[in-house]
N, C-alpha and C. Protein backbone atom coordinates (compact mmCIF):
# COMPACT_ATOMS: atom_id res chain seq x y z
N MET A 1 133.42 -123.11 -206.39
CA MET A 1 132.44 -124.49 -206.01
C MET A 1 131.97 -123.80 -206.80
N THR A 2 131.09 -124.48 -207.78
CA THR A 2 129.93 -124.56 -208.52
C THR A 2 128.15 -123.56 -207.86
N ALA A 3 127.95 -122.88 -208.56
CA ALA A 3 126.84 -122.50 -207.94
C ALA A 3 125.32 -123.47 -207.07
N GLU A 4 125.38 -124.26 -208.07
CA GLU A 4 124.65 -125.50 -207.73
C GLU A 4 124.99 -126.17 -206.45
N SER A 5 126.47 -125.82 -206.70
CA SER A 5 126.78 -127.06 -205.29
C SER A 5 126.07 -125.75 -204.06
N LEU A 6 126.44 -124.36 -203.62
CA LEU A 6 126.45 -123.75 -203.19
C LEU A 6 125.39 -123.71 -202.32
N GLN A 7 124.63 -124.21 -203.48
CA GLN A 7 122.64 -124.23 -203.28
C GLN A 7 122.27 -124.77 -203.01
N ALA A 8 123.55 -126.25 -203.23
CA ALA A 8 122.83 -127.83 -202.01
C ALA A 8 123.51 -127.46 -200.73
N LEU A 9 124.33 -126.96 -200.91
CA LEU A 9 124.63 -126.79 -199.41
C LEU A 9 123.56 -126.21 -198.54
N CYS A 10 122.87 -125.28 -199.20
CA CYS A 10 122.14 -124.12 -198.68
C CYS A 10 120.34 -124.60 -198.16
N VAL A 11 120.58 -125.35 -198.29
CA VAL A 11 119.34 -126.22 -198.09
C VAL A 11 119.84 -128.31 -197.79
N LEU A 12 121.16 -128.24 -197.82
CA LEU A 12 121.42 -129.43 -196.67
C LEU A 12 120.97 -129.25 -195.51
N ARG A 13 120.11 -130.67 -195.39
CA ARG A 13 119.70 -131.14 -193.66
C ARG A 13 118.68 -129.82 -193.67
N ASN A 14 118.05 -128.40 -193.87
CA ASN A 14 117.98 -128.14 -193.40
C ASN A 14 115.29 -128.75 -193.54
N THR A 15 115.18 -128.02 -192.45
CA THR A 15 113.79 -128.72 -192.70
C THR A 15 112.67 -127.43 -193.19
N VAL A 16 113.23 -126.25 -194.17
CA VAL A 16 111.98 -125.55 -194.84
C VAL A 16 110.83 -125.46 -195.17
N ASN A 17 111.79 -127.05 -196.39
CA ASN A 17 111.22 -126.90 -197.96
C ASN A 17 110.12 -127.97 -197.22
N LEU A 18 109.81 -128.47 -196.11
CA LEU A 18 109.11 -129.92 -196.04
C LEU A 18 108.22 -130.34 -196.00
N GLN A 19 107.16 -130.93 -197.22
CA GLN A 19 106.19 -131.44 -197.54
C GLN A 19 105.43 -132.03 -196.97
N TRP A 20 103.74 -132.01 -196.97
CA TRP A 20 103.11 -132.64 -196.45
C TRP A 20 103.37 -134.22 -197.37
N TYR A 21 104.00 -134.47 -198.49
CA TYR A 21 103.73 -135.22 -199.51
C TYR A 21 104.35 -137.02 -198.72
N ILE A 22 105.49 -136.64 -197.79
CA ILE A 22 106.74 -137.22 -197.75
C ILE A 22 105.90 -138.35 -196.58
N VAL A 23 104.72 -137.69 -195.94
CA VAL A 23 104.40 -138.72 -195.21
C VAL A 23 103.68 -140.21 -195.84
N PRO A 24 102.64 -140.15 -197.56
CA PRO A 24 102.41 -140.87 -198.17
C PRO A 24 102.80 -142.30 -198.20
N LEU A 25 104.38 -141.00 -198.88
CA LEU A 25 105.78 -141.91 -199.83
C LEU A 25 105.89 -143.21 -198.90
N LEU A 26 106.42 -142.45 -197.04
CA LEU A 26 107.19 -143.28 -196.41
C LEU A 26 106.21 -143.95 -195.98
N ALA A 27 104.88 -143.99 -195.88
CA ALA A 27 103.67 -144.92 -195.93
C ALA A 27 104.07 -145.88 -197.01
N THR A 28 103.72 -145.91 -197.95
CA THR A 28 104.20 -146.77 -198.84
C THR A 28 105.14 -147.62 -199.24
N VAL A 29 106.60 -146.95 -198.23
CA VAL A 29 107.55 -148.19 -198.28
C VAL A 29 107.48 -148.67 -197.16
N PHE A 30 106.82 -148.83 -196.36
CA PHE A 30 106.31 -149.80 -195.18
C PHE A 30 105.37 -150.48 -195.67
N TYR A 31 104.67 -149.64 -196.43
CA TYR A 31 102.88 -150.30 -196.96
C TYR A 31 104.03 -151.86 -197.61
N ILE A 32 104.95 -150.96 -198.23
CA ILE A 32 105.81 -152.44 -199.22
C ILE A 32 106.77 -153.72 -198.42
N TYR A 33 106.81 -152.96 -197.33
CA TYR A 33 108.34 -153.66 -196.80
C TYR A 33 107.22 -155.30 -195.12
N PHE A 34 105.77 -153.75 -195.17
CA PHE A 34 104.53 -154.74 -194.45
C PHE A 34 104.26 -155.76 -194.87
N VAL A 35 104.24 -155.98 -196.74
CA VAL A 35 103.78 -156.94 -196.85
C VAL A 35 104.29 -157.83 -196.99
N GLU A 36 106.27 -158.18 -197.51
CA GLU A 36 106.80 -158.45 -197.31
C GLU A 36 106.72 -159.52 -196.74
N VAL A 37 107.02 -158.72 -194.95
CA VAL A 37 107.15 -159.84 -193.52
C VAL A 37 105.80 -160.73 -193.62
N GLU A 38 104.62 -160.04 -193.74
CA GLU A 38 103.91 -161.22 -194.49
C GLU A 38 103.63 -162.41 -194.67
N ARG A 39 104.28 -162.03 -195.92
CA ARG A 39 104.20 -163.53 -196.27
C ARG A 39 105.65 -163.95 -195.93
N LYS A 40 106.32 -163.65 -195.35
CA LYS A 40 107.82 -163.76 -194.74
C LYS A 40 109.06 -164.19 -196.07
N ASN A 41 108.99 -162.97 -196.46
CA ASN A 41 109.75 -162.79 -197.21
C ASN A 41 110.77 -162.40 -197.02
N TRP A 42 111.53 -163.13 -195.93
CA TRP A 42 113.19 -163.08 -195.60
C TRP A 42 114.60 -162.50 -195.99
N SER A 43 114.45 -162.95 -196.86
CA SER A 43 115.39 -163.16 -197.72
C SER A 43 115.19 -160.95 -198.22
N LEU A 44 114.44 -161.34 -199.34
CA LEU A 44 113.93 -160.41 -199.76
C LEU A 44 113.49 -158.90 -198.78
N ILE A 45 113.25 -158.83 -197.56
CA ILE A 45 113.64 -157.60 -197.38
C ILE A 45 114.99 -157.65 -196.69
N ILE A 46 115.38 -158.61 -196.24
CA ILE A 46 117.39 -158.31 -195.89
C ILE A 46 117.45 -157.29 -196.77
N MET A 47 118.04 -158.24 -198.01
CA MET A 47 118.18 -157.48 -199.81
C MET A 47 118.35 -156.30 -199.80
N GLY A 48 116.59 -155.68 -200.38
CA GLY A 48 116.03 -154.77 -199.97
C GLY A 48 116.44 -153.83 -199.34
N LEU A 49 116.71 -153.62 -197.49
CA LEU A 49 117.58 -152.64 -196.97
C LEU A 49 118.43 -153.13 -197.20
N THR A 50 119.54 -153.91 -197.73
CA THR A 50 121.19 -153.76 -198.29
C THR A 50 121.65 -152.95 -199.08
N PHE A 51 120.57 -153.17 -200.43
CA PHE A 51 120.79 -151.92 -200.82
C PHE A 51 120.42 -151.22 -200.52
N TRP A 52 119.92 -150.45 -200.29
CA TRP A 52 118.88 -148.84 -199.45
C TRP A 52 120.29 -148.53 -198.27
N ALA A 53 121.29 -149.29 -197.38
CA ALA A 53 122.00 -148.91 -196.95
C ALA A 53 123.20 -148.62 -197.58
N ALA A 54 123.92 -149.63 -198.79
CA ALA A 54 125.09 -150.03 -199.15
C ALA A 54 124.51 -147.50 -200.30
N GLU A 55 123.62 -147.88 -200.72
CA GLU A 55 123.40 -146.61 -201.09
C GLU A 55 123.60 -145.84 -200.62
N PHE A 56 123.26 -145.72 -199.34
CA PHE A 56 123.28 -144.41 -198.30
C PHE A 56 125.52 -143.82 -198.59
N THR A 57 126.08 -144.76 -197.90
CA THR A 57 127.57 -145.11 -198.38
C THR A 57 128.09 -144.28 -199.62
N TRP A 58 127.24 -144.65 -200.47
CA TRP A 58 127.85 -144.96 -202.76
C TRP A 58 127.20 -142.88 -202.07
N GLU A 59 126.66 -142.89 -200.86
CA GLU A 59 126.10 -141.06 -201.87
C GLU A 59 126.89 -139.88 -200.68
N ILE A 60 127.18 -140.57 -199.27
CA ILE A 60 128.60 -140.37 -198.76
C ILE A 60 129.75 -139.37 -198.90
N GLY A 61 129.93 -141.02 -200.30
CA GLY A 61 130.96 -141.06 -200.91
C GLY A 61 131.22 -139.72 -201.96
N ASN A 62 129.85 -139.45 -202.70
CA ASN A 62 129.47 -138.40 -203.77
C ASN A 62 129.35 -137.57 -202.60
N ALA A 63 129.45 -136.82 -201.61
CA ALA A 63 129.32 -136.01 -201.35
C ALA A 63 130.55 -135.51 -200.49
N LEU A 64 131.76 -136.15 -200.08
CA LEU A 64 133.01 -136.09 -200.16
C LEU A 64 133.64 -135.40 -200.84
N LEU A 65 133.46 -135.94 -201.81
CA LEU A 65 133.88 -134.98 -202.93
C LEU A 65 133.95 -133.98 -203.14
N LEU A 66 132.80 -133.66 -202.66
CA LEU A 66 132.93 -132.18 -202.94
C LEU A 66 133.19 -131.42 -202.61
N TYR A 67 133.39 -132.28 -201.10
CA TYR A 67 134.33 -131.82 -200.06
C TYR A 67 136.44 -131.09 -200.35
N ILE A 68 136.08 -132.49 -200.79
CA ILE A 68 137.82 -132.38 -201.04
C ILE A 68 138.15 -132.27 -202.07
N THR A 69 136.99 -131.73 -202.86
CA THR A 69 137.44 -130.42 -204.02
C THR A 69 137.01 -129.65 -204.04
N ASN A 70 135.85 -129.28 -202.92
CA ASN A 70 135.55 -128.12 -202.82
C ASN A 70 135.00 -127.08 -204.51
N TYR A 71 134.58 -128.01 -205.30
CA TYR A 71 134.57 -127.52 -206.34
C TYR A 71 133.01 -128.24 -206.96
N ALA A 72 132.77 -130.46 -206.47
CA ALA A 72 131.76 -129.97 -207.04
C ALA A 72 131.92 -131.98 -207.09
N PRO A 73 130.01 -132.26 -206.63
CA PRO A 73 129.93 -133.93 -206.41
C PRO A 73 130.15 -134.19 -207.58
N LEU A 74 129.84 -135.61 -208.14
CA LEU A 74 129.18 -136.42 -208.89
C LEU A 74 127.59 -136.06 -209.78
N TRP A 75 126.98 -135.77 -208.97
CA TRP A 75 125.75 -135.14 -208.75
C TRP A 75 124.96 -134.65 -208.12
N LEU A 76 124.20 -133.60 -207.97
CA LEU A 76 123.76 -132.88 -207.10
C LEU A 76 122.42 -132.99 -207.40
N THR A 77 122.02 -132.39 -206.06
CA THR A 77 120.23 -132.11 -206.08
C THR A 77 119.11 -131.55 -204.77
N PRO A 78 120.37 -130.42 -206.38
CA PRO A 78 120.05 -128.73 -205.43
C PRO A 78 118.89 -128.47 -204.76
N GLY A 79 117.85 -128.32 -205.84
CA GLY A 79 116.66 -127.75 -204.77
C GLY A 79 115.17 -128.81 -204.94
N LYS A 80 114.36 -127.96 -205.80
CA LYS A 80 113.05 -128.74 -205.79
C LYS A 80 113.07 -130.31 -205.02
N SER A 81 112.63 -130.43 -203.75
CA SER A 81 113.05 -131.18 -202.96
C SER A 81 112.73 -130.89 -201.80
N ALA A 82 111.48 -131.60 -200.52
CA ALA A 82 111.74 -131.85 -199.56
C ALA A 82 112.33 -132.07 -198.00
N TYR A 83 113.34 -132.18 -198.59
CA TYR A 83 114.29 -132.71 -198.25
C TYR A 83 115.43 -132.92 -198.39
N VAL A 84 117.13 -132.23 -198.52
CA VAL A 84 118.24 -132.91 -199.04
C VAL A 84 118.53 -133.82 -197.93
N ILE A 85 119.03 -134.92 -198.51
CA ILE A 85 120.27 -135.46 -196.82
C ILE A 85 121.63 -135.54 -196.91
N TYR A 86 121.69 -135.55 -198.47
CA TYR A 86 123.17 -135.11 -198.53
C TYR A 86 123.33 -134.02 -200.10
N VAL A 87 124.31 -133.85 -200.70
CA VAL A 87 123.99 -132.81 -201.74
C VAL A 87 123.32 -133.92 -203.40
N GLY A 88 124.21 -134.51 -203.01
CA GLY A 88 123.74 -135.36 -204.31
C GLY A 88 122.31 -135.89 -203.90
N LEU A 89 121.94 -136.83 -202.65
CA LEU A 89 120.61 -137.12 -201.95
C LEU A 89 119.81 -136.70 -201.72
N ASN A 90 118.53 -136.28 -201.97
CA ASN A 90 117.22 -136.03 -201.20
C ASN A 90 116.32 -137.34 -200.75
N ILE A 91 115.52 -136.79 -199.86
CA ILE A 91 114.11 -137.85 -199.24
C ILE A 91 113.39 -139.04 -200.28
N GLU A 92 113.17 -138.12 -201.73
CA GLU A 92 112.55 -138.67 -202.40
C GLU A 92 113.76 -139.87 -202.91
N ILE A 93 114.70 -139.33 -203.52
CA ILE A 93 114.97 -140.26 -204.09
C ILE A 93 115.76 -141.00 -202.94
N SER A 94 115.64 -141.31 -202.05
CA SER A 94 115.80 -141.62 -200.49
C SER A 94 114.77 -143.44 -200.57
N PHE A 95 113.78 -141.95 -200.95
CA PHE A 95 112.21 -143.81 -200.43
C PHE A 95 112.46 -145.01 -201.84
N PHE A 96 113.15 -143.82 -202.73
CA PHE A 96 113.17 -144.67 -204.95
C PHE A 96 114.04 -146.15 -204.65
N PHE A 97 114.82 -145.93 -203.64
CA PHE A 97 115.82 -146.59 -203.84
C PHE A 97 115.28 -147.69 -202.81
N ALA A 98 115.48 -147.43 -201.25
CA ALA A 98 114.62 -148.55 -200.79
C ALA A 98 113.53 -149.08 -200.87
N ILE A 99 112.73 -149.30 -202.37
CA ILE A 99 112.46 -150.80 -203.19
C ILE A 99 112.94 -150.87 -203.89
N TYR A 100 114.42 -149.92 -204.39
CA TYR A 100 114.17 -149.96 -205.73
C TYR A 100 114.83 -151.93 -205.78
N GLY A 101 115.71 -152.04 -204.50
CA GLY A 101 116.41 -153.12 -204.81
C GLY A 101 115.51 -154.11 -204.57
N LEU A 102 114.64 -153.69 -204.13
CA LEU A 102 113.87 -154.59 -203.49
C LEU A 102 112.34 -154.99 -204.59
N MET A 103 112.16 -153.79 -205.40
CA MET A 103 111.40 -154.06 -207.01
C MET A 103 112.70 -155.73 -207.65
N VAL A 104 113.39 -155.01 -207.94
CA VAL A 104 115.02 -156.16 -208.75
C VAL A 104 114.54 -157.20 -208.78
N LEU A 105 114.59 -157.71 -207.18
CA LEU A 105 114.72 -159.12 -206.38
C LEU A 105 113.18 -159.76 -207.15
N LYS A 106 112.30 -158.97 -206.19
CA LYS A 106 110.82 -159.85 -206.86
C LYS A 106 110.30 -160.24 -208.26
N ILE A 107 111.16 -159.26 -208.76
CA ILE A 107 110.13 -159.51 -210.35
C ILE A 107 112.18 -160.88 -211.04
N LEU A 108 112.87 -161.10 -210.34
CA LEU A 108 114.00 -162.01 -210.80
C LEU A 108 112.88 -163.85 -210.88
N PRO A 109 112.83 -164.65 -211.85
CA PRO A 109 111.96 -165.87 -211.76
C PRO A 109 112.80 -166.93 -210.89
N GLN A 110 112.02 -167.26 -209.83
CA GLN A 110 113.09 -168.77 -209.12
C GLN A 110 114.07 -169.29 -209.76
N ASP A 111 113.54 -169.59 -211.27
CA ASP A 111 114.47 -170.22 -212.02
C ASP A 111 115.75 -169.75 -212.47
N LYS A 112 116.92 -170.08 -211.82
CA LYS A 112 117.88 -169.76 -211.61
C LYS A 112 118.80 -169.20 -213.79
N ASN A 113 118.09 -170.69 -213.97
CA ASN A 113 118.99 -170.89 -215.18
C ASN A 113 118.37 -170.99 -216.07
N MET A 114 117.16 -170.55 -216.19
CA MET A 114 115.71 -169.65 -217.15
C MET A 114 116.70 -168.37 -217.91
N LYS A 115 116.76 -168.60 -219.37
CA LYS A 115 116.87 -167.57 -220.13
C LYS A 115 116.22 -166.50 -221.00
N ILE A 116 116.54 -165.73 -221.74
CA ILE A 116 115.49 -164.64 -221.87
C ILE A 116 116.52 -164.54 -223.08
N MET A 117 116.55 -164.66 -224.49
CA MET A 117 116.67 -164.46 -225.40
C MET A 117 118.60 -165.42 -225.64
N GLY A 118 118.12 -166.19 -224.63
CA GLY A 118 119.09 -167.05 -224.70
C GLY A 118 120.75 -166.71 -223.41
N ILE A 119 119.64 -166.01 -222.90
CA ILE A 119 121.22 -165.19 -222.07
C ILE A 119 120.32 -165.22 -220.03
N SER A 120 121.53 -165.19 -219.65
CA SER A 120 120.75 -165.89 -218.23
C SER A 120 120.05 -164.65 -217.65
N ASN A 121 118.37 -164.83 -217.40
CA ASN A 121 117.53 -163.73 -216.81
C ASN A 121 118.21 -163.58 -215.35
N ARG A 122 119.23 -163.74 -214.22
CA ARG A 122 120.18 -163.32 -214.06
C ARG A 122 120.81 -161.67 -213.92
N LEU A 123 121.92 -162.35 -215.38
CA LEU A 123 122.04 -160.63 -216.41
C LEU A 123 121.17 -159.49 -216.58
N VAL A 124 120.27 -159.94 -217.50
CA VAL A 124 119.56 -159.13 -218.78
C VAL A 124 118.37 -158.71 -217.44
N ILE A 125 117.91 -159.39 -216.71
CA ILE A 125 117.02 -157.91 -215.93
C ILE A 125 117.53 -157.62 -214.91
N PRO A 126 118.72 -157.23 -214.10
CA PRO A 126 118.89 -156.30 -213.53
C PRO A 126 119.46 -155.90 -214.46
N THR A 127 120.21 -155.71 -215.67
CA THR A 127 120.79 -155.09 -216.27
C THR A 127 119.24 -153.75 -216.95
N ILE A 128 118.22 -154.57 -217.54
CA ILE A 128 116.99 -153.68 -218.29
C ILE A 128 117.13 -152.60 -217.11
N LEU A 129 116.34 -153.01 -215.47
CA LEU A 129 116.18 -152.51 -214.74
C LEU A 129 117.23 -151.22 -213.98
N GLY A 130 118.60 -151.41 -214.02
CA GLY A 130 119.34 -150.79 -213.90
C GLY A 130 119.33 -149.58 -215.32
N LEU A 131 119.29 -150.37 -216.32
CA LEU A 131 119.61 -149.37 -217.84
C LEU A 131 118.16 -148.14 -217.51
N SER A 132 116.93 -148.21 -217.00
CA SER A 132 115.76 -148.02 -216.58
C SER A 132 115.98 -147.19 -215.79
N GLY A 133 116.70 -147.42 -214.66
CA GLY A 133 117.13 -146.10 -213.78
C GLY A 133 117.29 -144.96 -214.14
N LEU A 134 118.64 -145.81 -215.37
CA LEU A 134 119.74 -144.64 -215.64
C LEU A 134 118.52 -143.68 -217.06
N PHE A 135 117.37 -143.87 -217.25
CA PHE A 135 116.93 -143.33 -218.71
C PHE A 135 116.39 -142.00 -218.12
N VAL A 136 115.36 -142.86 -216.12
CA VAL A 136 115.48 -141.88 -215.39
C VAL A 136 115.61 -140.50 -214.53
N GLU A 137 116.60 -140.88 -214.75
CA GLU A 137 118.04 -139.90 -214.07
C GLU A 137 118.49 -139.04 -215.52
N VAL A 138 118.33 -139.38 -216.60
CA VAL A 138 118.96 -138.52 -217.74
C VAL A 138 117.87 -138.07 -217.47
N ILE A 139 116.16 -138.02 -217.68
CA ILE A 139 114.76 -137.33 -217.56
C ILE A 139 114.96 -136.01 -215.90
N LEU A 140 115.36 -136.12 -215.74
CA LEU A 140 115.45 -135.50 -213.78
C LEU A 140 117.25 -134.83 -213.94
N ASN A 141 118.17 -134.84 -215.51
CA ASN A 141 119.40 -134.18 -215.28
C ASN A 141 118.68 -133.26 -216.31
N GLN A 142 117.97 -133.44 -217.41
CA GLN A 142 118.02 -132.61 -218.83
C GLN A 142 115.99 -131.39 -217.41
N CYS A 143 115.39 -131.91 -216.75
CA CYS A 143 114.44 -131.33 -215.95
C CYS A 143 115.64 -130.32 -214.92
N ASN A 144 116.94 -130.13 -214.61
CA ASN A 144 117.65 -129.55 -213.92
C ASN A 144 117.17 -130.02 -212.55
N MET A 145 116.55 -130.95 -212.41
CA MET A 145 116.60 -131.19 -211.26
C MET A 145 117.54 -132.37 -210.20
N LEU A 146 118.27 -132.86 -211.43
CA LEU A 146 119.66 -133.58 -210.93
C LEU A 146 121.02 -133.75 -212.37
N ILE A 147 122.13 -132.33 -211.72
CA ILE A 147 122.87 -131.97 -211.79
C ILE A 147 123.99 -132.10 -212.14
N TRP A 148 124.35 -132.48 -213.20
CA TRP A 148 126.06 -133.55 -213.28
C TRP A 148 127.05 -132.01 -213.85
N THR A 149 128.51 -132.24 -212.84
CA THR A 149 128.80 -130.84 -213.59
C THR A 149 130.10 -131.35 -214.79
N TYR A 150 131.03 -132.48 -214.55
CA TYR A 150 132.30 -133.52 -214.42
C TYR A 150 132.34 -133.63 -216.14
N SER A 151 132.36 -133.53 -216.95
CA SER A 151 132.74 -134.21 -218.75
C SER A 151 131.98 -135.41 -218.87
N PHE A 152 132.78 -136.58 -217.71
CA PHE A 152 133.23 -137.82 -217.65
C PHE A 152 132.19 -138.43 -217.74
N TRP A 153 130.67 -137.48 -216.33
CA TRP A 153 129.61 -137.98 -215.66
C TRP A 153 128.51 -137.73 -215.79
N LYS A 154 128.32 -136.73 -217.71
CA LYS A 154 126.99 -136.70 -217.78
C LYS A 154 127.07 -136.82 -219.80
N TRP A 155 125.83 -136.13 -219.72
CA TRP A 155 125.98 -137.06 -220.90
C TRP A 155 126.78 -135.93 -222.31
N PRO A 156 126.76 -136.74 -223.31
CA PRO A 156 126.16 -138.27 -223.57
C PRO A 156 127.24 -139.43 -223.02
N ASN A 157 128.00 -139.24 -222.32
CA ASN A 157 129.08 -139.97 -221.65
C ASN A 157 128.91 -140.93 -220.32
N LEU A 158 127.47 -141.50 -220.82
CA LEU A 158 126.71 -141.67 -220.12
C LEU A 158 127.32 -143.52 -219.30
N TRP A 159 128.35 -144.17 -219.92
CA TRP A 159 128.98 -145.27 -219.91
C TRP A 159 129.14 -145.61 -218.19
N LEU A 160 129.60 -144.74 -217.21
CA LEU A 160 129.72 -144.89 -215.83
C LEU A 160 129.00 -144.47 -215.34
N LEU A 161 127.94 -143.66 -215.82
CA LEU A 161 126.42 -143.90 -215.13
C LEU A 161 125.77 -145.31 -214.87
N ALA A 162 125.61 -145.52 -216.68
CA ALA A 162 125.27 -147.33 -216.54
C ALA A 162 126.04 -148.35 -215.76
N ILE A 163 127.54 -148.16 -215.35
CA ILE A 163 127.98 -149.58 -214.50
C ILE A 163 127.57 -148.99 -212.68
N GLY A 164 127.23 -148.01 -212.67
CA GLY A 164 127.37 -147.65 -211.56
C GLY A 164 125.55 -147.69 -211.29
N TYR A 165 124.98 -147.64 -211.96
CA TYR A 165 123.36 -148.46 -212.19
C TYR A 165 123.38 -149.90 -212.22
N CYS A 166 123.57 -150.35 -212.91
CA CYS A 166 123.81 -151.81 -213.37
C CYS A 166 124.66 -152.84 -212.31
N LEU A 167 125.82 -152.03 -211.94
CA LEU A 167 126.35 -153.22 -211.76
C LEU A 167 126.02 -153.88 -210.11
N PRO A 168 125.68 -152.46 -209.33
CA PRO A 168 124.39 -152.36 -208.31
C PRO A 168 123.75 -154.06 -207.71
N LEU A 169 122.56 -153.54 -208.71
CA LEU A 169 121.96 -154.63 -209.55
C LEU A 169 122.23 -155.96 -209.94
N LEU A 170 123.83 -155.77 -210.69
CA LEU A 170 124.06 -157.48 -210.98
C LEU A 170 124.82 -157.82 -209.72
N ILE A 171 125.28 -157.40 -208.97
CA ILE A 171 125.73 -157.85 -206.70
C ILE A 171 124.66 -158.22 -206.70
N LEU A 172 123.64 -157.37 -206.97
CA LEU A 172 122.40 -157.61 -205.46
C LEU A 172 121.58 -158.99 -206.26
N ALA A 173 121.06 -158.91 -207.26
CA ALA A 173 121.10 -160.90 -207.70
C ALA A 173 121.88 -162.52 -207.16
N TRP A 174 122.91 -161.17 -207.35
CA TRP A 174 123.95 -162.35 -206.88
C TRP A 174 123.96 -162.89 -205.64
N LEU A 175 124.09 -161.96 -204.53
CA LEU A 175 124.38 -162.66 -203.93
C LEU A 175 122.79 -162.77 -202.94
N HIS A 176 122.11 -162.30 -203.33
CA HIS A 176 120.33 -163.08 -203.14
C HIS A 176 120.06 -164.03 -203.50
N ASP A 177 121.35 -164.81 -204.36
CA ASP A 177 121.40 -166.11 -204.82
C ASP A 177 121.81 -167.06 -204.10
N ASN A 178 123.07 -166.72 -203.62
CA ASN A 178 123.98 -166.96 -203.01
C ASN A 178 124.78 -167.01 -201.95
N LEU A 179 124.30 -166.44 -201.19
CA LEU A 179 124.24 -166.38 -199.42
C LEU A 179 123.55 -167.07 -198.74
N SER A 180 124.50 -168.15 -198.01
CA SER A 180 122.76 -168.49 -196.97
C SER A 180 121.81 -167.42 -195.85
N MET A 181 121.00 -167.32 -195.35
CA MET A 181 120.07 -165.98 -195.05
C MET A 181 121.10 -165.57 -193.51
N LYS A 182 121.86 -166.19 -192.96
CA LYS A 182 123.14 -166.07 -192.10
C LYS A 182 123.59 -164.90 -192.04
N ALA A 183 124.37 -165.35 -193.63
CA ALA A 183 125.38 -164.47 -193.92
C ALA A 183 124.40 -162.78 -194.90
N LYS A 184 123.37 -163.02 -194.92
CA LYS A 184 122.31 -162.19 -195.79
C LYS A 184 122.56 -160.97 -194.40
N MET A 185 122.04 -161.16 -193.27
CA MET A 185 122.22 -160.87 -191.99
C MET A 185 123.19 -160.23 -191.48
N ILE A 186 124.30 -160.81 -192.14
CA ILE A 186 125.56 -159.96 -191.36
C ILE A 186 125.74 -159.20 -193.16
N THR A 187 126.15 -158.88 -193.60
CA THR A 187 125.74 -158.29 -194.01
C THR A 187 125.14 -157.37 -194.03
N LEU A 188 123.92 -157.20 -194.28
CA LEU A 188 123.10 -156.59 -193.57
C LEU A 188 123.67 -155.62 -192.34
N ALA A 189 123.78 -156.10 -191.89
CA ALA A 189 124.44 -155.83 -190.47
C ALA A 189 125.83 -154.98 -190.14
N LEU A 190 126.22 -155.08 -191.24
CA LEU A 190 128.27 -154.57 -191.92
C LEU A 190 127.01 -153.21 -192.27
N THR A 191 126.73 -153.41 -193.79
CA THR A 191 126.67 -152.49 -194.40
C THR A 191 125.47 -152.10 -194.15
N ALA A 192 124.65 -151.47 -193.35
CA ALA A 192 124.09 -150.73 -192.06
C ALA A 192 124.95 -149.91 -190.94
N SER A 193 126.11 -150.39 -190.58
CA SER A 193 126.86 -150.34 -189.49
C SER A 193 127.97 -149.40 -190.61
N VAL A 194 128.18 -149.22 -191.48
CA VAL A 194 129.32 -148.62 -192.08
C VAL A 194 128.06 -147.23 -192.83
N ALA A 195 127.42 -148.11 -193.36
CA ALA A 195 126.47 -146.32 -193.32
C ALA A 195 126.23 -145.28 -191.84
N ILE A 196 125.70 -145.85 -191.14
CA ILE A 196 125.28 -145.43 -189.77
C ILE A 196 126.79 -144.53 -189.32
N ALA A 197 128.02 -145.11 -189.32
CA ALA A 197 129.23 -144.40 -188.96
C ALA A 197 130.12 -143.13 -189.95
N CYS A 198 129.85 -143.77 -191.02
CA CYS A 198 130.19 -142.65 -191.82
C CYS A 198 129.41 -141.77 -191.83
N HIS A 199 128.34 -141.33 -191.97
CA HIS A 199 127.02 -140.69 -191.28
C HIS A 199 127.68 -139.43 -190.27
N VAL A 200 127.94 -140.75 -189.08
CA VAL A 200 128.51 -140.11 -187.86
C VAL A 200 129.33 -139.53 -187.98
N LEU A 201 130.81 -139.42 -188.54
CA LEU A 201 131.86 -139.53 -188.74
C LEU A 201 132.07 -138.67 -189.19
N PHE A 202 131.23 -138.10 -191.03
CA PHE A 202 131.89 -137.02 -191.59
C PHE A 202 130.31 -135.90 -191.17
N ALA A 203 129.27 -136.49 -191.55
CA ALA A 203 128.11 -135.52 -191.29
C ALA A 203 127.83 -135.13 -189.71
N VAL A 204 127.55 -135.28 -188.68
CA VAL A 204 127.44 -135.45 -187.44
C VAL A 204 128.54 -134.72 -186.89
N ILE A 205 130.17 -135.46 -186.68
CA ILE A 205 131.74 -135.07 -185.74
C ILE A 205 132.84 -134.01 -186.48
N LEU A 206 132.50 -134.13 -188.09
CA LEU A 206 132.63 -133.81 -188.68
C LEU A 206 132.54 -132.24 -189.53
N LYS A 207 131.70 -133.27 -189.98
CA LYS A 207 130.11 -132.25 -190.70
C LYS A 207 131.44 -131.55 -191.96
N TRP A 208 132.01 -132.65 -192.39
CA TRP A 208 132.71 -132.50 -194.32
C TRP A 208 131.38 -132.64 -195.22
N ILE A 209 130.28 -133.03 -194.55
CA ILE A 209 129.17 -133.01 -195.32
C ILE A 209 127.53 -133.06 -195.31
């Protein structure tokens, strides 16, 4: 097991590093969603929460890779965090993903057919914001705040990371445009249920992650 993996496990769900700054961060996330509640943007709220729940499931899968290989996950957040939820997810990143999907949906034009340089805005905007997220991740990696171990998942081999950022946002935009409100609510319920069930099973009962 890598030294960074061991370091991440040492601080995993340990409250010793809790900081007061997570309180205003949490309040900011709530405020952003309360604004959308006030505006009755229920579709944005539901899809934003769905994206957040899906991120937790993705992070659980990454943590399971560490358990399976006993070496390293694809990405690690071993330190410099107030609270590490899984070996590759800390509370700061979680707050970011709580509003990331919402942010993408809010910037999408209401006109689904509008073109940007001759390309559908539903392709251009999620891709640009996905690559922007990847750019931030590269900076975090260069600052040793986000660790990549495997050669196929690190600089300069970033094509898998680019897909990992852009594809979920493209799917999110498609679901937002094409699902009925009832279908969106069902999607949220299923996605959240899977995330909760996986956490209970792998983190609480089996203690694998």
